[in-house]
Every structure is written in C-alpha cells, then in structure tokens.
Amino acid sequence: MKSAKRYTNATFTKRVDHDSGEHRGEAKMRSPAICDKCGSTFDHGRWVAKESVREILGPESWHPSNVTTCPACKQKAAGVAGGYLKVSGVFLQEHGEEIRNLIRNESTEAHKNNPLSTIISFGENNSEISIETTDEHLVQRIGKALTAAYAGDLTFDFSHENKVARVTWHRD
C-alpha cells in the first residue's frame, strides 16, 4: 500500500538547536580579539587559552585589537549548560579529595586544548558531586577519566534534539 505522506530531507534530519543557537554569536568574529572576562584570545578562526597564547600565536609584542566576550563566558553568564555530571557512591565519601583533584586536572587539560570547554558550576554535598559544563565533551572526558582511574559504573545520556550530555558515575 502506498502512503500519501511526502517525505523530505527535513523529515529525517536531526534538529540540533530549538533555541536557534541563542548562545552562539551572529556572525564570524573579527580577528584578533580577546575575551574581557577570561583572557582567551581569538585569532585565525579559533580560540586559544590565555596560558598558551604566546607559544601558539607568536611574539609577545602581539596585542589583540578587539575586546569581546567569548562564547563560554556568555554561556556561563546565561547559565546555559551543555553537559551535566553526577558523581556519587560510598567511594566518593572515602576518596573525595582524590576525585575532586582528578576532575580539576581533567578540566584544566581540556581547557588548554579548547578554552571554550570549562566548568560552569561545581556543587557538592555529602553524597554527591554535580558539575555543569559549557559543552558535552568535557563531562564525557571527566566520566571516562573517573572510570579509567577508579572503575565504577558510567552511564551516558544524550538529549535527542539538543547538544546536551548527562553523565553519571557511581561506585559503592
């Protein structure tokens, strides 16, 4: 039996941002530029962390001419998270400081590679640590690092239509 429904490419295409990318800029930024909040630098189409500007972009006499706010700082200000991580279990209570250090180290390493990948909020109580990040890749990276270091149960949950990842790590 033949269906009367007409299919188009849009029928099968995954819609990524229902908010029409409100947290993204309107057009390509003029280069060079520096973020007034975190000091990250934009040059030749990419953001470079404040710590590695000199070694990647060139001489110390180079100064960015445009002052702007990077997408990560805009996301932090708006409270738009791209990733959520929950760490829980008895193991967390026994090895809390080690786990917090591992999370900080992974975040620092990720920030060196991509300054737009940062932690928005870090909350904890006696039995749980909850983290919000600017992108979905950082929570995946931290979750994989926790599993590699301490084993445990790691689960990933990705939003169907938005670029959001929810990662949980648990070990008793």
C-alpha atoms as a PDB file:
ATOM      1  CA  MET A   1       0.000   0.000   0.000  1.00  0.00           C
ATOM      2  CA  LYS A   2       1.372   3.387  -0.988  1.00  0.00           C
ATOM      3  CA  SER A   3       1.373   6.185   1.585  1.00  0.00           C
ATOM      4  CA  ALA A   4       0.181   9.692   0.805  1.00  0.00           C
ATOM      5  CA  LYS A   5       2.760  11.229   3.155  1.00  0.00           C
ATOM      6  CA  ARG A   6       5.529  13.051   1.365  1.00  0.00           C
ATOM      7  CA  TYR A   7       8.951  12.745   2.916  1.00  0.00           C
ATOM      8  CA  THR A   8      11.631  15.374   2.649  1.00  0.00           C
ATOM      9  CA  ASN A   9      15.200  15.555   3.844  1.00  0.00           C
ATOM     10  CA  ALA A  10      13.986  17.659   6.797  1.00  0.00           C
ATOM     11  CA  THR A  11      11.866  14.725   7.969  1.00  0.00           C
ATOM     12  CA  PHE A  12      14.963  12.653   8.735  1.00  0.00           C
ATOM     13  CA  THR A  13      17.400  15.394   9.749  1.00  0.00           C
ATOM     14  CA  LYS A  14      18.204  15.751  13.429  1.00  0.00           C
ATOM     15  CA  ARG A  15      17.273  19.188  14.714  1.00  0.00           C
ATOM     16  CA  VAL A  16      20.057  20.365  16.973  1.00  0.00           C
ATOM     17  CA  ASP A  17      19.091  23.711  18.491  1.00  0.00           C
ATOM     18  CA  HIS A  18      15.462  24.580  19.147  1.00  0.00           C
ATOM     19  CA  ASP A  19      16.539  27.850  20.738  1.00  0.00           C
ATOM     20  CA  SER A  20      18.035  28.776  17.349  1.00  0.00           C
ATOM     21  CA  GLY A  21      21.512  28.955  18.809  1.00  0.00           C
ATOM     22  CA  GLU A  22      20.797  31.901  21.096  1.00  0.00           C
ATOM     23  CA  HIS A  23      24.047  31.239  22.960  1.00  0.00           C
ATOM     24  CA  ARG A  24      26.041  31.373  19.725  1.00  0.00           C
ATOM     25  CA  GLY A  25      27.239  34.550  18.015  1.00  0.00           C
ATOM     26  CA  GLU A  26      25.511  36.037  14.992  1.00  0.00           C
ATOM     27  CA  ALA A  27      28.450  36.141  12.613  1.00  0.00           C
ATOM     28  CA  LYS A  28      32.114  35.297  12.382  1.00  0.00           C
ATOM     29  CA  MET A  29      34.127  37.394  14.778  1.00  0.00           C
ATOM     30  CA  ARG A  30      36.791  39.828  13.641  1.00  0.00           C
ATOM     31  CA  SER A  31      40.275  38.669  14.420  1.00  0.00           C
ATOM     32  CA  PRO A  32      42.341  39.196  16.563  1.00  0.00           C
ATOM     33  CA  ALA A  33      40.159  39.550  19.645  1.00  0.00           C
ATOM     34  CA  ILE A  34      40.483  38.937  23.373  1.00  0.00           C
ATOM     35  CA  CYS A  35      37.838  37.961  25.919  1.00  0.00           C
ATOM     36  CA  ASP A  36      37.472  40.643  28.580  1.00  0.00           C
ATOM     37  CA  LYS A  37      36.448  38.093  31.249  1.00  0.00           C
ATOM     38  CA  CYS A  38      38.763  35.066  30.897  1.00  0.00           C
ATOM     39  CA  GLY A  39      41.564  36.380  28.669  1.00  0.00           C
ATOM     40  CA  SER A  40      41.165  33.771  25.916  1.00  0.00           C
ATOM     41  CA  THR A  41      42.266  35.007  22.502  1.00  0.00           C
ATOM     42  CA  PHE A  42      40.567  34.566  19.129  1.00  0.00           C
ATOM     43  CA  ASP A  43      42.810  34.528  16.073  1.00  0.00           C
ATOM     44  CA  HIS A  44      42.606  32.875  12.654  1.00  0.00           C
ATOM     45  CA  GLY A  45      39.197  31.335  13.388  1.00  0.00           C
ATOM     46  CA  ARG A  46      39.977  29.660  16.729  1.00  0.00           C
ATOM     47  CA  TRP A  47      40.042  30.414  20.437  1.00  0.00           C
ATOM     48  CA  VAL A  48      43.317  29.941  22.308  1.00  0.00           C
ATOM     49  CA  ALA A  49      43.655  29.708  26.096  1.00  0.00           C
ATOM     50  CA  LYS A  50      45.268  32.617  27.912  1.00  0.00           C
ATOM     51  CA  GLU A  51      48.101  30.406  29.179  1.00  0.00           C
ATOM     52  CA  SER A  52      49.195  29.281  25.696  1.00  0.00           C
ATOM     53  CA  VAL A  53      48.707  32.437  23.612  1.00  0.00           C
ATOM     54  CA  ARG A  54      52.399  33.298  23.339  1.00  0.00           C
ATOM     55  CA  GLU A  55      53.566  29.854  22.290  1.00  0.00           C
ATOM     56  CA  ILE A  56      50.763  29.304  19.744  1.00  0.00           C
ATOM     57  CA  LEU A  57      50.093  32.737  18.280  1.00  0.00           C
ATOM     58  CA  GLY A  58      53.522  34.319  18.216  1.00  0.00           C
ATOM     59  CA  PRO A  59      55.626  37.115  19.669  1.00  0.00           C
ATOM     60  CA  GLU A  60      54.985  38.923  22.929  1.00  0.00           C
ATOM     61  CA  SER A  61      54.545  42.228  21.097  1.00  0.00           C
ATOM     62  CA  TRP A  62      51.318  40.935  19.513  1.00  0.00           C
ATOM     63  CA  HIS A  63      48.240  42.542  21.058  1.00  0.00           C
ATOM     64  CA  PRO A  64      44.625  41.832  20.127  1.00  0.00           C
ATOM     65  CA  SER A  65      42.794  44.896  18.866  1.00  0.00           C
ATOM     66  CA  ASN A  66      39.194  43.870  19.563  1.00  0.00           C
ATOM     67  CA  VAL A  67      37.779  43.271  23.043  1.00  0.00           C
ATOM     68  CA  THR A  68      34.830  40.887  23.207  1.00  0.00           C
ATOM     69  CA  THR A  69      33.295  38.170  25.368  1.00  0.00           C
ATOM     70  CA  CYS A  70      33.978  34.571  24.369  1.00  0.00           C
ATOM     71  CA  PRO A  71      31.089  32.132  23.840  1.00  0.00           C
ATOM     72  CA  ALA A  72      32.000  30.202  27.017  1.00  0.00           C
ATOM     73  CA  CYS A  73      31.762  33.320  29.203  1.00  0.00           C
ATOM     74  CA  LYS A  74      28.449  34.230  27.549  1.00  0.00           C
ATOM     75  CA  GLN A  75      27.199  30.720  28.292  1.00  0.00           C
ATOM     76  CA  LYS A  76      28.293  30.991  31.930  1.00  0.00           C
ATOM     77  CA  ALA A  77      26.521  34.334  32.301  1.00  0.00           C
ATOM     78  CA  ALA A  78      23.335  32.965  30.728  1.00  0.00           C
ATOM     79  CA  GLY A  79      23.525  29.721  32.709  1.00  0.00           C
ATOM     80  CA  VAL A  80      23.239  27.551  29.593  1.00  0.00           C
ATOM     81  CA  ALA A  81      24.931  24.223  30.288  1.00  0.00           C
ATOM     82  CA  GLY A  82      25.993  21.765  27.619  1.00  0.00           C
ATOM     83  CA  GLY A  83      26.864  18.915  29.952  1.00  0.00           C
ATOM     84  CA  TYR A  84      25.870  17.616  33.365  1.00  0.00           C
ATOM     85  CA  LEU A  85      27.892  15.208  35.502  1.00  0.00           C
ATOM     86  CA  LYS A  86      26.756  13.476  38.708  1.00  0.00           C
ATOM     87  CA  VAL A  87      29.332  11.604  40.804  1.00  0.00           C
ATOM     88  CA  SER A  88      28.002   9.509  43.662  1.00  0.00           C
ATOM     89  CA  GLY A  89      28.578   6.481  45.869  1.00  0.00           C
ATOM     90  CA  VAL A  90      30.308   5.378  49.040  1.00  0.00           C
ATOM     91  CA  PHE A  91      33.653   5.510  47.215  1.00  0.00           C
ATOM     92  CA  LEU A  92      33.172   9.270  46.777  1.00  0.00           C
ATOM     93  CA  GLN A  93      32.885   9.756  50.527  1.00  0.00           C
ATOM     94  CA  GLU A  94      36.094   7.805  51.135  1.00  0.00           C
ATOM     95  CA  HIS A  95      38.162   9.299  48.270  1.00  0.00           C
ATOM     96  CA  GLY A  96      36.503  12.686  47.775  1.00  0.00           C
ATOM     97  CA  GLU A  97      39.668  14.785  47.610  1.00  0.00           C
ATOM     98  CA  GLU A  98      41.289  12.475  45.019  1.00  0.00           C
ATOM     99  CA  ILE A  99      38.180  12.597  42.842  1.00  0.00           C
ATOM    100  CA  ARG A 100      37.946  16.406  43.066  1.00  0.00           C
ATOM    101  CA  ASN A 101      41.632  16.664  42.072  1.00  0.00           C
ATOM    102  CA  LEU A 102      41.092  14.372  39.095  1.00  0.00           C
ATOM    103  CA  ILE A 103      38.101  16.471  37.979  1.00  0.00           C
ATOM    104  CA  ARG A 104      40.138  19.699  38.287  1.00  0.00           C
ATOM    105  CA  ASN A 105      43.085  18.199  36.379  1.00  0.00           C
ATOM    106  CA  GLU A 106      40.891  16.926  33.530  1.00  0.00           C
ATOM    107  CA  SER A 107      39.151  20.280  33.307  1.00  0.00           C
ATOM    108  CA  THR A 108      42.498  22.114  33.177  1.00  0.00           C
ATOM    109  CA  GLU A 109      43.816  19.827  30.423  1.00  0.00           C
ATOM    110  CA  ALA A 110      40.615  20.197  28.401  1.00  0.00           C
ATOM    111  CA  HIS A 111      40.782  23.980  28.814  1.00  0.00           C
ATOM    112  CA  LYS A 112      44.310  24.033  27.353  1.00  0.00           C
ATOM    113  CA  ASN A 113      43.068  22.296  24.206  1.00  0.00           C
ATOM    114  CA  ASN A 114      39.785  24.185  23.977  1.00  0.00           C
ATOM    115  CA  PRO A 115      39.303  27.304  26.120  1.00  0.00           C
ATOM    116  CA  LEU A 116      35.565  27.207  25.421  1.00  0.00           C
ATOM    117  CA  SER A 117      35.337  23.943  27.367  1.00  0.00           C
ATOM    118  CA  THR A 118      35.026  24.935  31.018  1.00  0.00           C
ATOM    119  CA  ILE A 119      33.126  24.132  34.189  1.00  0.00           C
ATOM    120  CA  ILE A 120      30.169  26.429  34.833  1.00  0.00           C
ATOM    121  CA  SER A 121      29.282  25.202  38.309  1.00  0.00           C
ATOM    122  CA  PHE A 122      30.690  22.709  40.796  1.00  0.00           C
ATOM    123  CA  GLY A 123      28.296  21.709  43.553  1.00  0.00           C
ATOM    124  CA  GLU A 124      28.715  19.064  46.206  1.00  0.00           C
ATOM    125  CA  ASN A 125      27.093  17.683  49.307  1.00  0.00           C
ATOM    126  CA  ASN A 126      27.985  14.679  51.490  1.00  0.00           C
ATOM    127  CA  SER A 127      26.998  12.006  48.999  1.00  0.00           C
ATOM    128  CA  GLU A 128      27.191  13.622  45.551  1.00  0.00           C
ATOM    129  CA  ILE A 129      29.133  15.970  43.296  1.00  0.00           C
ATOM    130  CA  SER A 130      27.253  17.707  40.497  1.00  0.00           C
ATOM    131  CA  ILE A 131      29.002  19.590  37.714  1.00  0.00           C
ATOM    132  CA  GLU A 132      27.706  21.682  34.816  1.00  0.00           C
ATOM    133  CA  THR A 133      29.974  22.401  31.848  1.00  0.00           C
ATOM    134  CA  THR A 134      29.820  24.569  28.752  1.00  0.00           C
ATOM    135  CA  ASP A 135      29.966  21.637  26.347  1.00  0.00           C
ATOM    136  CA  GLU A 136      29.080  17.969  26.247  1.00  0.00           C
ATOM    137  CA  HIS A 137      32.626  16.765  25.605  1.00  0.00           C
ATOM    138  CA  LEU A 138      34.084  17.819  28.959  1.00  0.00           C
ATOM    139  CA  VAL A 139      31.621  15.772  31.035  1.00  0.00           C
ATOM    140  CA  GLN A 140      32.321  12.745  28.839  1.00  0.00           C
ATOM    141  CA  ARG A 141      36.056  13.263  29.300  1.00  0.00           C
ATOM    142  CA  ILE A 142      35.750  13.534  33.087  1.00  0.00           C
ATOM    143  CA  GLY A 143      33.465  10.491  33.261  1.00  0.00           C
ATOM    144  CA  LYS A 144      35.896   8.390  31.222  1.00  0.00           C
ATOM    145  CA  ALA A 145      38.824   9.555  33.380  1.00  0.00           C
ATOM    146  CA  LEU A 146      36.949   8.577  36.563  1.00  0.00           C
ATOM    147  CA  THR A 147      36.204   5.132  35.133  1.00  0.00           C
ATOM    148  CA  ALA A 148      39.798   4.637  33.982  1.00  0.00           C
ATOM    149  CA  ALA A 149      41.186   5.632  37.381  1.00  0.00           C
ATOM    150  CA  TYR A 150      38.675   4.097  39.785  1.00  0.00           C
ATOM    151  CA  ALA A 151      36.392   1.762  37.762  1.00  0.00           C
ATOM    152  CA  GLY A 152      32.725   2.199  38.731  1.00  0.00           C
ATOM    153  CA  ASP A 153      29.512   2.444  36.716  1.00  0.00           C
ATOM    154  CA  LEU A 154      29.488   5.095  33.987  1.00  0.00           C
ATOM    155  CA  THR A 155      26.358   5.977  32.036  1.00  0.00           C
ATOM    156  CA  PHE A 156      25.896   8.463  29.212  1.00  0.00           C
ATOM    157  CA  ASP A 157      22.572  10.009  28.281  1.00  0.00           C
ATOM    158  CA  PHE A 158      22.371  12.306  25.285  1.00  0.00           C
ATOM    159  CA  SER A 159      19.495  14.627  24.542  1.00  0.00           C
ATOM    160  CA  HIS A 160      17.667  13.732  21.355  1.00  0.00           C
ATOM    161  CA  GLU A 161      17.363  17.203  19.903  1.00  0.00           C
ATOM    162  CA  ASN A 162      19.871  19.396  21.735  1.00  0.00           C
ATOM    163  CA  LYS A 163      23.599  19.051  22.176  1.00  0.00           C
ATOM    164  CA  VAL A 164      23.421  18.144  25.861  1.00  0.00           C
ATOM    165  CA  ALA A 165      25.061  15.199  27.611  1.00  0.00           C
ATOM    166  CA  ARG A 166      24.156  13.847  31.036  1.00  0.00           C
ATOM    167  CA  VAL A 167      26.842  11.634  32.539  1.00  0.00           C
ATOM    168  CA  THR A 168      26.594   9.738  35.810  1.00  0.00           C
ATOM    169  CA  TRP A 169      29.400   7.915  37.585  1.00  0.00           C
ATOM    170  CA  HIS A 170      28.702   5.753  40.624  1.00  0.00           C
ATOM    171  CA  ARG A 171      30.825   3.440  42.730  1.00  0.00           C
ATOM    172  CA  ASP A 172      29.966   1.839  46.062  1.00  0.00           C
END
